[in-house]
Amino acid sequence: MKLSAEMKEFSERLGHEFAKPELLIRALTHPSMTSPHRDNNQRLEFLGDRVLGLSIAEALFKADKGAAEGILAPRFNALVRKETCAEVARAIDLGAVLKLGRSEMKSGGRRKDALLGDAMEAVIAAIYLDAGFETARDAVLRLWGERIDRVETDARDPKTALQEWAQARGEPPPNYVQISRTGPDHQPIFTIEARLASGPAERASAGSKRQAEMAAAEALLKKVTG
């Protein structure tokens, strides 16, 4: 199986030439494109999540030999969460080659954190199956790059940071209210509003409540901290 010119360009951005191109094609095929003759990336996503986790855990373990588990855990979570995977996917323009069904394309699937993050994990699994763990780990370290170096400052998720900001000013924790839920059951879009007791509020939408809450908290934190 040969890759299209577009796929070859993506492979170059990824930094890995596939001996088995079909693995890359499967990794970039969203479930909305599934057919009897076309597999999707869900199983690869499951595997890639574990390969990513081990790669990041090993890197953090080696980078700070004196860090306790309580220090390493939030750093790890910051690096493997779906939003970070989506950031990496955007950096290599993964969305441009993601194979989506018509409904997902119309709903802006190429820009969704959930779809991009899942596909990024699937691509990591494809590299692992194509060339082994060391190659997959090296790809993760290269693609995540400076995110690993600066993770100590990024380790607090936006909800935690916003709550700490509020508590430092004598306010109760922020409140998160679901404003709407749209889209089909298999691909919902949640709109969440983060509110502070003092009045400021911001809304955000995402494919899961958690992601929408995180995005709303991040927007609100930026608002109140200027």
N, C-alpha and C. Protein backbone atom coordinates (compact mmCIF):
# COMPACT_ATOMS: atom_id res chain seq x y z
N MET A 1 0.84 -1.19 0.00
CA MET A 1 0.00 0.00 0.00
C MET A 1 0.88 1.25 0.00
N LYS A 2 0.56 2.18 -0.91
CA LYS A 2 1.32 3.42 -1.01
C LYS A 2 0.56 4.57 -0.38
N LEU A 3 1.32 5.51 0.18
CA LEU A 3 0.71 6.69 0.77
C LEU A 3 0.51 7.76 -0.29
N SER A 4 -0.54 8.53 -0.13
CA SER A 4 -0.77 9.67 -1.01
C SER A 4 0.30 10.72 -0.74
N ALA A 5 0.41 11.68 -1.64
CA ALA A 5 1.39 12.76 -1.45
C ALA A 5 1.12 13.50 -0.15
N GLU A 6 -0.15 13.71 0.15
CA GLU A 6 -0.54 14.41 1.38
C GLU A 6 -0.10 13.62 2.62
N MET A 7 -0.29 12.31 2.56
CA MET A 7 0.11 11.45 3.67
C MET A 7 1.63 11.40 3.81
N LYS A 8 2.33 11.40 2.70
CA LYS A 8 3.79 11.39 2.74
C LYS A 8 4.32 12.67 3.39
N GLU A 9 3.69 13.79 3.08
CA GLU A 9 4.09 15.05 3.69
C GLU A 9 3.84 15.03 5.20
N PHE A 10 2.72 14.44 5.58
CA PHE A 10 2.44 14.33 7.01
C PHE A 10 3.46 13.42 7.68
N SER A 11 3.82 12.31 7.04
CA SER A 11 4.81 11.40 7.58
C SER A 11 6.14 12.12 7.81
N GLU A 12 6.47 13.03 6.91
CA GLU A 12 7.70 13.81 7.06
C GLU A 12 7.59 14.76 8.25
N ARG A 13 6.43 15.38 8.41
CA ARG A 13 6.23 16.26 9.57
C ARG A 13 6.29 15.46 10.87
N LEU A 14 5.80 14.25 10.80
CA LEU A 14 5.80 13.36 11.95
C LEU A 14 7.21 12.90 12.29
N GLY A 15 8.06 12.80 11.26
CA GLY A 15 9.43 12.35 11.47
C GLY A 15 9.60 10.85 11.47
N HIS A 16 8.68 10.14 10.81
CA HIS A 16 8.78 8.68 10.74
C HIS A 16 8.29 8.19 9.39
N GLU A 17 9.13 7.41 8.71
CA GLU A 17 8.74 6.78 7.45
C GLU A 17 8.24 5.37 7.75
N PHE A 18 7.01 5.09 7.38
CA PHE A 18 6.38 3.83 7.73
C PHE A 18 6.75 2.70 6.78
N ALA A 19 7.18 1.59 7.37
CA ALA A 19 7.38 0.37 6.59
C ALA A 19 6.03 -0.24 6.24
N LYS A 20 5.04 0.00 7.10
CA LYS A 20 3.67 -0.49 6.88
C LYS A 20 2.74 0.72 6.83
N PRO A 21 2.59 1.33 5.68
CA PRO A 21 1.79 2.56 5.55
C PRO A 21 0.35 2.39 5.99
N GLU A 22 -0.17 1.16 5.91
CA GLU A 22 -1.56 0.94 6.30
C GLU A 22 -1.81 1.28 7.76
N LEU A 23 -0.77 1.19 8.58
CA LEU A 23 -0.91 1.54 9.99
C LEU A 23 -1.20 3.04 10.16
N LEU A 24 -0.51 3.85 9.39
CA LEU A 24 -0.73 5.30 9.46
C LEU A 24 -2.13 5.64 8.95
N ILE A 25 -2.54 5.01 7.88
CA ILE A 25 -3.88 5.28 7.33
C ILE A 25 -4.95 4.92 8.35
N ARG A 26 -4.79 3.77 9.00
CA ARG A 26 -5.77 3.37 10.02
C ARG A 26 -5.78 4.35 11.18
N ALA A 27 -4.59 4.80 11.59
CA ALA A 27 -4.49 5.73 12.73
C ALA A 27 -5.18 7.05 12.46
N LEU A 28 -5.30 7.41 11.20
CA LEU A 28 -5.90 8.69 10.83
C LEU A 28 -7.35 8.56 10.37
N THR A 29 -7.93 7.38 10.55
CA THR A 29 -9.31 7.13 10.13
C THR A 29 -10.24 7.16 11.32
N HIS A 30 -11.06 8.18 11.40
CA HIS A 30 -12.03 8.34 12.51
C HIS A 30 -13.16 7.32 12.37
N PRO A 31 -13.76 6.91 13.49
CA PRO A 31 -14.87 5.95 13.43
C PRO A 31 -16.01 6.34 12.50
N SER A 32 -16.19 7.65 12.25
CA SER A 32 -17.26 8.08 11.35
C SER A 32 -17.01 7.66 9.91
N MET A 33 -15.80 7.17 9.62
CA MET A 33 -15.46 6.69 8.27
C MET A 33 -15.41 5.17 8.19
N THR A 34 -15.83 4.50 9.25
CA THR A 34 -15.77 3.04 9.29
C THR A 34 -16.68 2.42 8.23
N SER A 35 -16.18 1.36 7.62
CA SER A 35 -16.98 0.58 6.66
C SER A 35 -16.48 -0.86 6.74
N PRO A 36 -17.20 -1.80 6.11
CA PRO A 36 -16.74 -3.20 6.13
C PRO A 36 -15.32 -3.37 5.57
N HIS A 37 -14.88 -2.41 4.76
CA HIS A 37 -13.56 -2.53 4.13
C HIS A 37 -12.58 -1.48 4.67
N ARG A 38 -12.98 -0.78 5.73
CA ARG A 38 -12.11 0.27 6.27
C ARG A 38 -12.16 0.24 7.80
N ASP A 39 -11.02 -0.02 8.43
CA ASP A 39 -10.94 -0.04 9.89
C ASP A 39 -10.75 1.38 10.40
N ASN A 40 -11.05 1.60 11.69
CA ASN A 40 -10.86 2.93 12.27
C ASN A 40 -9.75 2.92 13.32
N ASN A 41 -9.55 4.05 13.96
CA ASN A 41 -8.37 4.21 14.83
C ASN A 41 -8.64 3.96 16.31
N GLN A 42 -9.81 3.43 16.68
CA GLN A 42 -10.13 3.31 18.10
C GLN A 42 -9.20 2.35 18.84
N ARG A 43 -8.92 1.21 18.26
CA ARG A 43 -8.03 0.25 18.94
C ARG A 43 -6.61 0.80 19.02
N LEU A 44 -6.17 1.49 17.99
CA LEU A 44 -4.85 2.11 18.02
C LEU A 44 -4.78 3.21 19.07
N GLU A 45 -5.87 3.95 19.22
CA GLU A 45 -5.92 4.99 20.25
C GLU A 45 -5.69 4.38 21.63
N PHE A 46 -6.34 3.25 21.91
CA PHE A 46 -6.19 2.56 23.19
C PHE A 46 -4.73 2.21 23.43
N LEU A 47 -4.07 1.64 22.43
CA LEU A 47 -2.67 1.25 22.57
C LEU A 47 -1.76 2.47 22.67
N GLY A 48 -2.02 3.46 21.84
CA GLY A 48 -1.17 4.65 21.82
C GLY A 48 -1.18 5.40 23.13
N ASP A 49 -2.33 5.40 23.80
CA ASP A 49 -2.42 6.04 25.11
C ASP A 49 -1.43 5.43 26.08
N ARG A 50 -1.28 4.11 26.02
CA ARG A 50 -0.34 3.40 26.93
C ARG A 50 1.11 3.64 26.52
N VAL A 51 1.39 3.66 25.23
CA VAL A 51 2.75 3.92 24.77
C VAL A 51 3.16 5.35 25.14
N LEU A 52 2.26 6.29 24.94
CA LEU A 52 2.52 7.67 25.33
C LEU A 52 2.77 7.77 26.82
N GLY A 53 1.92 7.12 27.61
CA GLY A 53 2.06 7.17 29.06
C GLY A 53 3.40 6.66 29.54
N LEU A 54 3.83 5.52 29.02
CA LEU A 54 5.11 4.97 29.44
C LEU A 54 6.27 5.86 28.99
N SER A 55 6.17 6.39 27.78
CA SER A 55 7.24 7.27 27.27
C SER A 55 7.39 8.51 28.14
N ILE A 56 6.27 9.14 28.48
CA ILE A 56 6.31 10.35 29.29
C ILE A 56 6.74 10.03 30.73
N ALA A 57 6.21 8.95 31.29
CA ALA A 57 6.57 8.57 32.66
C ALA A 57 8.07 8.32 32.77
N GLU A 58 8.62 7.62 31.80
CA GLU A 58 10.05 7.33 31.80
C GLU A 58 10.87 8.62 31.69
N ALA A 59 10.43 9.52 30.81
CA ALA A 59 11.16 10.79 30.62
C ALA A 59 11.16 11.62 31.90
N LEU A 60 10.02 11.69 32.58
CA LEU A 60 9.92 12.46 33.82
C LEU A 60 10.74 11.81 34.93
N PHE A 61 10.70 10.50 34.99
CA PHE A 61 11.44 9.75 36.00
C PHE A 61 12.94 10.00 35.88
N LYS A 62 13.43 10.03 34.64
CA LYS A 62 14.85 10.24 34.40
C LYS A 62 15.25 11.71 34.57
N ALA A 63 14.34 12.62 34.25
CA ALA A 63 14.68 14.05 34.27
C ALA A 63 14.84 14.60 35.67
N ASP A 64 14.08 14.08 36.63
CA ASP A 64 14.14 14.60 38.01
C ASP A 64 14.21 13.42 38.97
N LYS A 65 15.43 13.01 39.25
CA LYS A 65 15.63 11.80 40.05
C LYS A 65 15.23 11.98 41.52
N GLY A 66 15.05 13.21 41.96
CA GLY A 66 14.68 13.42 43.35
C GLY A 66 13.20 13.71 43.56
N ALA A 67 12.42 13.77 42.47
CA ALA A 67 11.00 14.14 42.59
C ALA A 67 10.17 13.00 43.15
N ALA A 68 9.31 13.33 44.10
CA ALA A 68 8.41 12.34 44.67
C ALA A 68 7.24 12.09 43.73
N GLU A 69 6.51 11.01 44.00
CA GLU A 69 5.36 10.66 43.16
C GLU A 69 4.35 11.80 43.10
N GLY A 70 4.16 12.48 44.23
CA GLY A 70 3.21 13.58 44.27
C GLY A 70 3.60 14.76 43.39
N ILE A 71 4.87 14.86 43.06
CA ILE A 71 5.35 15.90 42.15
C ILE A 71 5.26 15.42 40.70
N LEU A 72 5.63 14.15 40.48
CA LEU A 72 5.65 13.61 39.13
C LEU A 72 4.25 13.45 38.54
N ALA A 73 3.28 13.08 39.39
CA ALA A 73 1.93 12.76 38.89
C ALA A 73 1.27 13.93 38.17
N PRO A 74 1.23 15.14 38.75
CA PRO A 74 0.60 16.24 38.01
C PRO A 74 1.35 16.63 36.75
N ARG A 75 2.67 16.47 36.76
CA ARG A 75 3.44 16.75 35.55
C ARG A 75 3.05 15.75 34.46
N PHE A 76 2.95 14.49 34.86
CA PHE A 76 2.56 13.44 33.92
C PHE A 76 1.17 13.74 33.34
N ASN A 77 0.22 14.05 34.22
CA ASN A 77 -1.15 14.31 33.77
C ASN A 77 -1.21 15.47 32.80
N ALA A 78 -0.39 16.50 33.05
CA ALA A 78 -0.39 17.66 32.17
C ALA A 78 0.11 17.32 30.77
N LEU A 79 1.03 16.36 30.68
CA LEU A 79 1.63 16.02 29.40
C LEU A 79 0.83 15.01 28.59
N VAL A 80 0.04 14.17 29.25
CA VAL A 80 -0.68 13.13 28.51
C VAL A 80 -2.16 13.45 28.33
N ARG A 81 -2.67 14.53 28.93
CA ARG A 81 -4.10 14.82 28.80
C ARG A 81 -4.44 15.12 27.34
N LYS A 82 -5.72 14.95 27.04
CA LYS A 82 -6.18 15.05 25.65
C LYS A 82 -5.87 16.41 25.04
N GLU A 83 -5.97 17.46 25.84
CA GLU A 83 -5.70 18.80 25.30
C GLU A 83 -4.26 18.94 24.82
N THR A 84 -3.33 18.34 25.55
CA THR A 84 -1.92 18.41 25.14
C THR A 84 -1.70 17.59 23.88
N CYS A 85 -2.32 16.42 23.81
CA CYS A 85 -2.21 15.61 22.59
C CYS A 85 -2.75 16.39 21.39
N ALA A 86 -3.84 17.12 21.59
CA ALA A 86 -4.41 17.92 20.51
C ALA A 86 -3.47 19.05 20.10
N GLU A 87 -2.80 19.66 21.07
CA GLU A 87 -1.82 20.71 20.76
C GLU A 87 -0.72 20.18 19.86
N VAL A 88 -0.21 18.99 20.22
CA VAL A 88 0.85 18.37 19.41
C VAL A 88 0.33 18.05 18.02
N ALA A 89 -0.90 17.55 17.95
CA ALA A 89 -1.50 17.23 16.66
C ALA A 89 -1.60 18.48 15.78
N ARG A 90 -2.00 19.59 16.37
CA ARG A 90 -2.11 20.84 15.60
C ARG A 90 -0.73 21.31 15.11
N ALA A 91 0.28 21.09 15.93
CA ALA A 91 1.63 21.53 15.58
C ALA A 91 2.14 20.84 14.32
N ILE A 92 1.67 19.63 14.06
CA ILE A 92 2.09 18.90 12.86
C ILE A 92 0.96 18.83 11.83
N ASP A 93 -0.08 19.65 12.05
CA ASP A 93 -1.22 19.75 11.12
C ASP A 93 -1.85 18.39 10.85
N LEU A 94 -2.05 17.63 11.90
CA LEU A 94 -2.68 16.32 11.77
C LEU A 94 -4.10 16.44 11.22
N GLY A 95 -4.81 17.49 11.61
CA GLY A 95 -6.19 17.65 11.18
C GLY A 95 -6.35 17.65 9.67
N ALA A 96 -5.34 18.09 8.96
CA ALA A 96 -5.42 18.18 7.50
C ALA A 96 -5.52 16.81 6.84
N VAL A 97 -5.02 15.78 7.50
CA VAL A 97 -5.03 14.43 6.91
C VAL A 97 -5.98 13.47 7.63
N LEU A 98 -6.71 13.97 8.61
CA LEU A 98 -7.65 13.13 9.35
C LEU A 98 -8.82 12.76 8.46
N LYS A 99 -9.12 11.47 8.39
CA LYS A 99 -10.21 10.98 7.54
C LYS A 99 -11.50 10.96 8.35
N LEU A 100 -12.44 11.81 7.97
CA LEU A 100 -13.68 12.00 8.71
C LEU A 100 -14.89 11.75 7.83
N GLY A 101 -15.98 11.30 8.47
CA GLY A 101 -17.25 11.20 7.78
C GLY A 101 -17.82 12.58 7.53
N ARG A 102 -18.84 12.65 6.67
CA ARG A 102 -19.40 13.94 6.28
C ARG A 102 -19.92 14.74 7.47
N SER A 103 -20.61 14.07 8.39
CA SER A 103 -21.18 14.79 9.53
C SER A 103 -20.10 15.40 10.41
N GLU A 104 -19.01 14.66 10.61
CA GLU A 104 -17.91 15.20 11.42
C GLU A 104 -17.21 16.35 10.72
N MET A 105 -17.09 16.25 9.42
CA MET A 105 -16.46 17.34 8.68
C MET A 105 -17.29 18.61 8.80
N LYS A 106 -18.61 18.47 8.69
CA LYS A 106 -19.50 19.63 8.77
C LYS A 106 -19.48 20.27 10.16
N SER A 107 -19.27 19.43 11.18
CA SER A 107 -19.29 19.96 12.55
C SER A 107 -17.92 20.44 13.02
N GLY A 108 -16.96 20.54 12.10
CA GLY A 108 -15.64 21.06 12.44
C GLY A 108 -14.74 20.06 13.14
N GLY A 109 -14.89 18.79 12.80
CA GLY A 109 -14.13 17.73 13.47
C GLY A 109 -12.63 17.89 13.41
N ARG A 110 -12.13 18.51 12.35
CA ARG A 110 -10.68 18.67 12.22
C ARG A 110 -10.09 19.61 13.27
N ARG A 111 -10.97 20.36 13.94
CA ARG A 111 -10.50 21.31 14.95
C ARG A 111 -10.78 20.85 16.38
N LYS A 112 -11.49 19.74 16.55
CA LYS A 112 -11.91 19.31 17.88
C LYS A 112 -10.76 18.66 18.65
N ASP A 113 -10.59 19.09 19.89
CA ASP A 113 -9.55 18.51 20.74
C ASP A 113 -9.69 17.00 20.86
N ALA A 114 -10.91 16.53 21.06
CA ALA A 114 -11.12 15.09 21.29
C ALA A 114 -10.67 14.27 20.09
N LEU A 115 -11.06 14.69 18.89
CA LEU A 115 -10.71 13.94 17.69
C LEU A 115 -9.22 14.02 17.40
N LEU A 116 -8.65 15.21 17.56
CA LEU A 116 -7.21 15.38 17.30
C LEU A 116 -6.39 14.61 18.34
N GLY A 117 -6.80 14.69 19.60
CA GLY A 117 -6.07 13.97 20.65
C GLY A 117 -6.11 12.48 20.45
N ASP A 118 -7.29 11.96 20.13
CA ASP A 118 -7.43 10.53 19.89
C ASP A 118 -6.56 10.09 18.71
N ALA A 119 -6.58 10.86 17.64
CA ALA A 119 -5.79 10.50 16.45
C ALA A 119 -4.30 10.56 16.74
N MET A 120 -3.88 11.54 17.57
CA MET A 120 -2.47 11.63 17.91
C MET A 120 -2.02 10.38 18.66
N GLU A 121 -2.84 9.93 19.60
CA GLU A 121 -2.53 8.69 20.32
C GLU A 121 -2.48 7.50 19.36
N ALA A 122 -3.41 7.46 18.41
CA ALA A 122 -3.43 6.37 17.44
C ALA A 122 -2.17 6.37 16.57
N VAL A 123 -1.71 7.55 16.20
CA VAL A 123 -0.49 7.66 15.39
C VAL A 123 0.72 7.15 16.17
N ILE A 124 0.77 7.45 17.47
CA ILE A 124 1.86 6.94 18.30
C ILE A 124 1.84 5.41 18.31
N ALA A 125 0.65 4.84 18.42
CA ALA A 125 0.54 3.38 18.38
C ALA A 125 0.98 2.83 17.04
N ALA A 126 0.66 3.54 15.96
CA ALA A 126 1.06 3.10 14.62
C ALA A 126 2.58 3.06 14.50
N ILE A 127 3.24 4.07 15.05
CA ILE A 127 4.72 4.08 15.03
C ILE A 127 5.25 2.90 15.85
N TYR A 128 4.65 2.67 17.01
CA TYR A 128 5.07 1.56 17.88
C TYR A 128 4.95 0.22 17.16
N LEU A 129 3.82 -0.01 16.50
CA LEU A 129 3.61 -1.28 15.80
C LEU A 129 4.51 -1.40 14.56
N ASP A 130 4.84 -0.27 13.98
CA ASP A 130 5.66 -0.26 12.77
C ASP A 130 7.14 -0.45 13.07
N ALA A 131 7.61 0.12 14.20
CA ALA A 131 9.07 0.14 14.43
C ALA A 131 9.50 -0.12 15.87
N GLY A 132 8.57 -0.40 16.78
CA GLY A 132 8.96 -0.74 18.14
C GLY A 132 8.89 0.41 19.12
N PHE A 133 9.06 0.07 20.39
CA PHE A 133 8.87 1.07 21.45
C PHE A 133 9.90 2.19 21.40
N GLU A 134 11.16 1.88 21.20
CA GLU A 134 12.19 2.92 21.23
C GLU A 134 11.92 3.99 20.18
N THR A 135 11.52 3.58 18.99
CA THR A 135 11.21 4.54 17.94
C THR A 135 10.00 5.38 18.30
N ALA A 136 8.98 4.72 18.86
CA ALA A 136 7.77 5.45 19.28
C ALA A 136 8.10 6.42 20.40
N ARG A 137 8.90 5.98 21.37
CA ARG A 137 9.30 6.85 22.47
C ARG A 137 10.08 8.05 21.96
N ASP A 138 11.00 7.81 21.05
CA ASP A 138 11.79 8.92 20.50
C ASP A 138 10.89 9.92 19.77
N ALA A 139 9.87 9.41 19.08
CA ALA A 139 8.93 10.29 18.39
C ALA A 139 8.16 11.14 19.39
N VAL A 140 7.72 10.52 20.48
CA VAL A 140 6.99 11.25 21.52
C VAL A 140 7.87 12.36 22.09
N LEU A 141 9.10 12.03 22.44
CA LEU A 141 10.00 13.02 23.04
C LEU A 141 10.29 14.17 22.07
N ARG A 142 10.41 13.84 20.79
CA ARG A 142 10.67 14.87 19.78
C ARG A 142 9.44 15.76 19.59
N LEU A 143 8.27 15.15 19.50
CA LEU A 143 7.05 15.90 19.23
C LEU A 143 6.59 16.72 20.44
N TRP A 144 6.76 16.16 21.62
CA TRP A 144 6.37 16.88 22.84
C TRP A 144 7.39 17.96 23.19
N GLY A 145 8.65 17.71 22.82
CA GLY A 145 9.72 18.71 22.90
C GLY A 145 9.75 19.53 24.17
N GLU A 146 9.68 20.84 24.01
CA GLU A 146 9.83 21.77 25.14
C GLU A 146 8.68 21.66 26.14
N ARG A 147 7.58 21.05 25.76
CA ARG A 147 6.50 20.86 26.72
C ARG A 147 6.99 20.06 27.93
N ILE A 148 7.88 19.11 27.69
CA ILE A 148 8.42 18.31 28.78
C ILE A 148 9.32 19.17 29.67
N ASP A 149 10.08 20.06 29.07
CA ASP A 149 10.99 20.91 29.83
C ASP A 149 10.25 21.92 30.71
N ARG A 150 9.11 22.41 30.21
CA ARG A 150 8.41 23.45 30.96
C ARG A 150 7.22 22.91 31.76
N VAL A 151 7.14 21.59 31.89
CA VAL A 151 5.94 21.00 32.48
C VAL A 151 5.70 21.41 33.92
N GLU A 152 6.76 21.76 34.64
CA GLU A 152 6.56 22.13 36.04
C GLU A 152 5.64 23.33 36.18
N THR A 153 5.73 24.27 35.24
CA THR A 153 4.87 25.44 35.30
C THR A 153 3.50 25.17 34.70
N ASP A 154 3.38 24.12 33.89
CA ASP A 154 2.10 23.80 33.25
C ASP A 154 1.33 22.70 33.99
N ALA A 155 1.91 22.17 35.07
CA ALA A 155 1.35 20.96 35.69
C ALA A 155 -0.02 21.18 36.30
N ARG A 156 -0.28 22.37 36.79
CA ARG A 156 -1.60 22.62 37.35
C ARG A 156 -2.60 22.80 36.22
N ASP A 157 -3.69 22.04 36.26
CA ASP A 157 -4.70 22.23 35.23
C ASP A 157 -5.44 23.54 35.50
N PRO A 158 -6.12 24.10 34.49
CA PRO A 158 -6.78 25.40 34.65
C PRO A 158 -7.80 25.45 35.78
N LYS A 159 -8.53 24.35 36.01
CA LYS A 159 -9.53 24.35 37.09
C LYS A 159 -8.85 24.51 38.45
N THR A 160 -7.75 23.80 38.64
CA THR A 160 -7.02 23.91 39.90
C THR A 160 -6.46 25.32 40.07
N ALA A 161 -5.88 25.86 39.01
CA ALA A 161 -5.29 27.19 39.08
C ALA A 161 -6.36 28.24 39.38
N LEU A 162 -7.53 28.11 38.76
CA LEU A 162 -8.61 29.07 39.00
C LEU A 162 -9.12 28.98 40.43
N GLN A 163 -9.24 27.75 40.92
CA GLN A 163 -9.70 27.57 42.30
C GLN A 163 -8.71 28.17 43.29
N GLU A 164 -7.43 27.96 43.05
CA GLU A 164 -6.42 28.53 43.94
C GLU A 164 -6.44 30.05 43.89
N TRP A 165 -6.68 30.61 42.69
CA TRP A 165 -6.77 32.06 42.55
C TRP A 165 -7.93 32.61 43.38
N ALA A 166 -9.08 31.93 43.29
CA ALA A 166 -10.27 32.36 44.03
C ALA A 166 -10.06 32.25 45.54
N GLN A 167 -9.51 31.13 45.97
CA GLN A 167 -9.31 30.91 47.40
C GLN A 167 -8.32 31.91 47.99
N ALA A 168 -7.33 32.30 47.21
CA ALA A 168 -6.34 33.27 47.69
C ALA A 168 -6.98 34.64 47.95
N ARG A 169 -8.15 34.85 47.35
CA ARG A 169 -8.85 36.12 47.52
C ARG A 169 -10.09 35.97 48.40
N GLY A 170 -10.17 34.87 49.09
CA GLY A 170 -11.26 34.65 50.02
C GLY A 170 -12.58 34.30 49.38
N GLU A 171 -12.54 33.90 48.12
CA GLU A 171 -13.77 33.52 47.43
C GLU A 171 -13.99 32.01 47.52
N PRO A 172 -15.25 31.56 47.39
CA PRO A 172 -15.51 30.13 47.32
C PRO A 172 -15.03 29.57 45.98
N PRO A 173 -14.94 28.27 45.84
CA PRO A 173 -14.49 27.69 44.57
C PRO A 173 -15.40 28.09 43.41
N PRO A 174 -14.88 28.15 42.21
CA PRO A 174 -15.70 28.49 41.04
C PRO A 174 -16.83 27.49 40.85
N ASN A 175 -17.88 27.93 40.21
CA ASN A 175 -19.02 27.07 39.90
C ASN A 175 -19.03 26.81 38.41
N TYR A 176 -19.34 25.56 38.02
CA TYR A 176 -19.38 25.19 36.61
C TYR A 176 -20.81 24.76 36.26
N VAL A 177 -21.39 25.45 35.29
CA VAL A 177 -22.78 25.22 34.92
C VAL A 177 -22.87 24.79 33.46
N GLN A 178 -23.57 23.68 33.21
CA GLN A 178 -23.76 23.24 31.83
C GLN A 178 -24.84 24.10 31.18
N ILE A 179 -24.46 24.81 30.14
CA ILE A 179 -25.38 25.69 29.43
C ILE A 179 -26.16 24.94 28.36
N SER A 180 -25.47 24.04 27.66
CA SER A 180 -26.15 23.28 26.61
C SER A 180 -25.39 22.01 26.28
N ARG A 181 -26.11 21.10 25.64
CA ARG A 181 -25.52 19.87 25.11
C ARG A 181 -26.13 19.66 23.74
N THR A 182 -25.29 19.72 22.72
CA THR A 182 -25.77 19.59 21.35
C THR A 182 -25.04 18.45 20.64
N GLY A 183 -25.46 18.17 19.42
CA GLY A 183 -24.80 17.14 18.63
C GLY A 183 -25.37 15.77 18.90
N PRO A 184 -24.99 14.78 18.10
CA PRO A 184 -25.47 13.40 18.27
C PRO A 184 -24.91 12.77 19.54
N ASP A 185 -25.55 11.69 19.98
CA ASP A 185 -25.13 11.03 21.21
C ASP A 185 -23.69 10.54 21.15
N HIS A 186 -23.25 10.10 19.97
CA HIS A 186 -21.90 9.56 19.86
C HIS A 186 -20.83 10.64 19.78
N GLN A 187 -21.25 11.90 19.55
CA GLN A 187 -20.28 12.99 19.46
C GLN A 187 -20.90 14.28 19.98
N PRO A 188 -21.20 14.33 21.28
CA PRO A 188 -21.86 15.51 21.84
C PRO A 188 -20.91 16.70 21.96
N ILE A 189 -21.49 17.87 22.02
CA ILE A 189 -20.74 19.10 22.28
C ILE A 189 -21.34 19.75 23.52
N PHE A 190 -20.54 19.93 24.55
CA PHE A 190 -20.99 20.53 25.80
C PHE A 190 -20.51 21.98 25.88
N THR A 191 -21.41 22.86 26.28
CA THR A 191 -21.05 24.25 26.56
C THR A 191 -21.17 24.47 28.06
N ILE A 192 -20.07 24.84 28.67
CA ILE A 192 -19.99 25.03 30.13
C ILE A 192 -19.62 26.47 30.45
N GLU A 193 -20.25 27.01 31.48
CA GLU A 193 -19.89 28.34 31.95
C GLU A 193 -19.22 28.23 33.30
N ALA A 194 -18.02 28.79 33.42
CA ALA A 194 -17.31 28.87 34.70
C ALA A 194 -17.63 30.21 35.33
N ARG A 195 -18.05 30.19 36.60
CA ARG A 195 -18.48 31.41 37.27
C ARG A 195 -17.76 31.58 38.60
N LEU A 196 -17.38 32.81 38.87
CA LEU A 196 -16.83 33.16 40.17
C LEU A 196 -17.91 33.86 40.99
N ALA A 197 -17.85 33.68 42.30
CA ALA A 197 -18.86 34.30 43.18
C ALA A 197 -18.85 35.81 43.04
N SER A 198 -17.71 36.38 42.69
CA SER A 198 -17.59 37.83 42.56
C SER A 198 -18.18 38.37 41.27
N GLY A 199 -18.60 37.46 40.37
CA GLY A 199 -19.28 37.92 39.17
C GLY A 199 -18.71 37.49 37.83
N PRO A 200 -17.40 37.54 37.61
CA PRO A 200 -16.85 37.19 36.29
C PRO A 200 -17.22 35.77 35.86
N ALA A 201 -17.43 35.58 34.56
CA ALA A 201 -17.79 34.27 34.02
C ALA A 201 -17.30 34.17 32.58
N GLU A 202 -17.03 32.95 32.17
CA GLU A 202 -16.64 32.69 30.78
C GLU A 202 -17.20 31.34 30.35
N ARG A 203 -17.52 31.20 29.07
CA ARG A 203 -18.05 29.95 28.53
C ARG A 203 -17.07 29.33 27.54
N ALA A 204 -17.19 28.00 27.40
CA ALA A 204 -16.39 27.27 26.42
C ALA A 204 -17.13 26.01 26.02
N SER A 205 -16.83 25.51 24.84
CA SER A 205 -17.47 24.29 24.33
C SER A 205 -16.42 23.27 23.97
N ALA A 206 -16.74 21.99 24.18
CA ALA A 206 -15.82 20.90 23.86
C ALA A 206 -16.61 19.60 23.77
N GLY A 207 -15.91 18.54 23.40
CA GLY A 207 -16.56 17.25 23.21
C GLY A 207 -16.83 16.47 24.48
N SER A 208 -16.38 16.97 25.63
CA SER A 208 -16.69 16.34 26.91
C SER A 208 -16.87 17.43 27.95
N LYS A 209 -17.58 17.11 29.02
CA LYS A 209 -17.79 18.09 30.07
C LYS A 209 -16.45 18.54 30.66
N ARG A 210 -15.57 17.57 30.89
CA ARG A 210 -14.28 17.90 31.50
C ARG A 210 -13.49 18.87 30.63
N GLN A 211 -13.44 18.61 29.34
CA GLN A 211 -12.68 19.48 28.44
C GLN A 211 -13.31 20.87 28.37
N ALA A 212 -14.65 20.93 28.37
CA ALA A 212 -15.33 22.22 28.34
C ALA A 212 -15.09 22.99 29.63
N GLU A 213 -15.10 22.29 30.77
CA GLU A 213 -14.82 22.94 32.05
C GLU A 213 -13.40 23.48 32.08
N MET A 214 -12.45 22.68 31.59
CA MET A 214 -11.06 23.12 31.55
C MET A 214 -10.90 24.37 30.69
N ALA A 215 -11.53 24.35 29.52
CA ALA A 215 -11.42 25.49 28.61
C ALA A 215 -12.08 26.73 29.19
N ALA A 216 -13.23 26.55 29.84
CA ALA A 216 -13.91 27.69 30.46
C ALA A 216 -13.09 28.26 31.61
N ALA A 217 -12.50 27.36 32.40
CA ALA A 217 -11.66 27.80 33.52
C ALA A 217 -10.44 28.56 33.00
N GLU A 218 -9.84 28.06 31.94
CA GLU A 218 -8.66 28.73 31.38
C GLU A 218 -9.03 30.13 30.87
N ALA A 219 -10.18 30.23 30.18
CA ALA A 219 -10.62 31.52 29.67
C ALA A 219 -10.91 32.50 30.80
N LEU A 220 -11.55 31.99 31.86
CA LEU A 220 -11.89 32.86 33.00
C LEU A 220 -10.64 33.29 33.74
N LEU A 221 -9.68 32.38 33.87
CA LEU A 221 -8.44 32.73 34.57
C LEU A 221 -7.69 33.83 33.81
N LYS A 222 -7.67 33.73 32.49
CA LYS A 222 -7.02 34.76 31.68
C LYS A 222 -7.75 36.09 31.84
N LYS A 223 -9.07 36.02 31.95
CA LYS A 223 -9.88 37.24 32.08
C LYS A 223 -9.57 37.97 33.38
N VAL A 224 -9.54 37.22 34.47
CA VAL A 224 -9.37 37.87 35.79
C VAL A 224 -7.93 38.23 36.11
N THR A 225 -6.98 37.59 35.42
CA THR A 225 -5.57 37.90 35.70
C THR A 225 -5.00 38.88 34.68
N GLY A 226 -5.82 39.21 33.69
CA GLY A 226 -5.41 40.21 32.71
C GLY A 226 -4.37 39.75 31.73
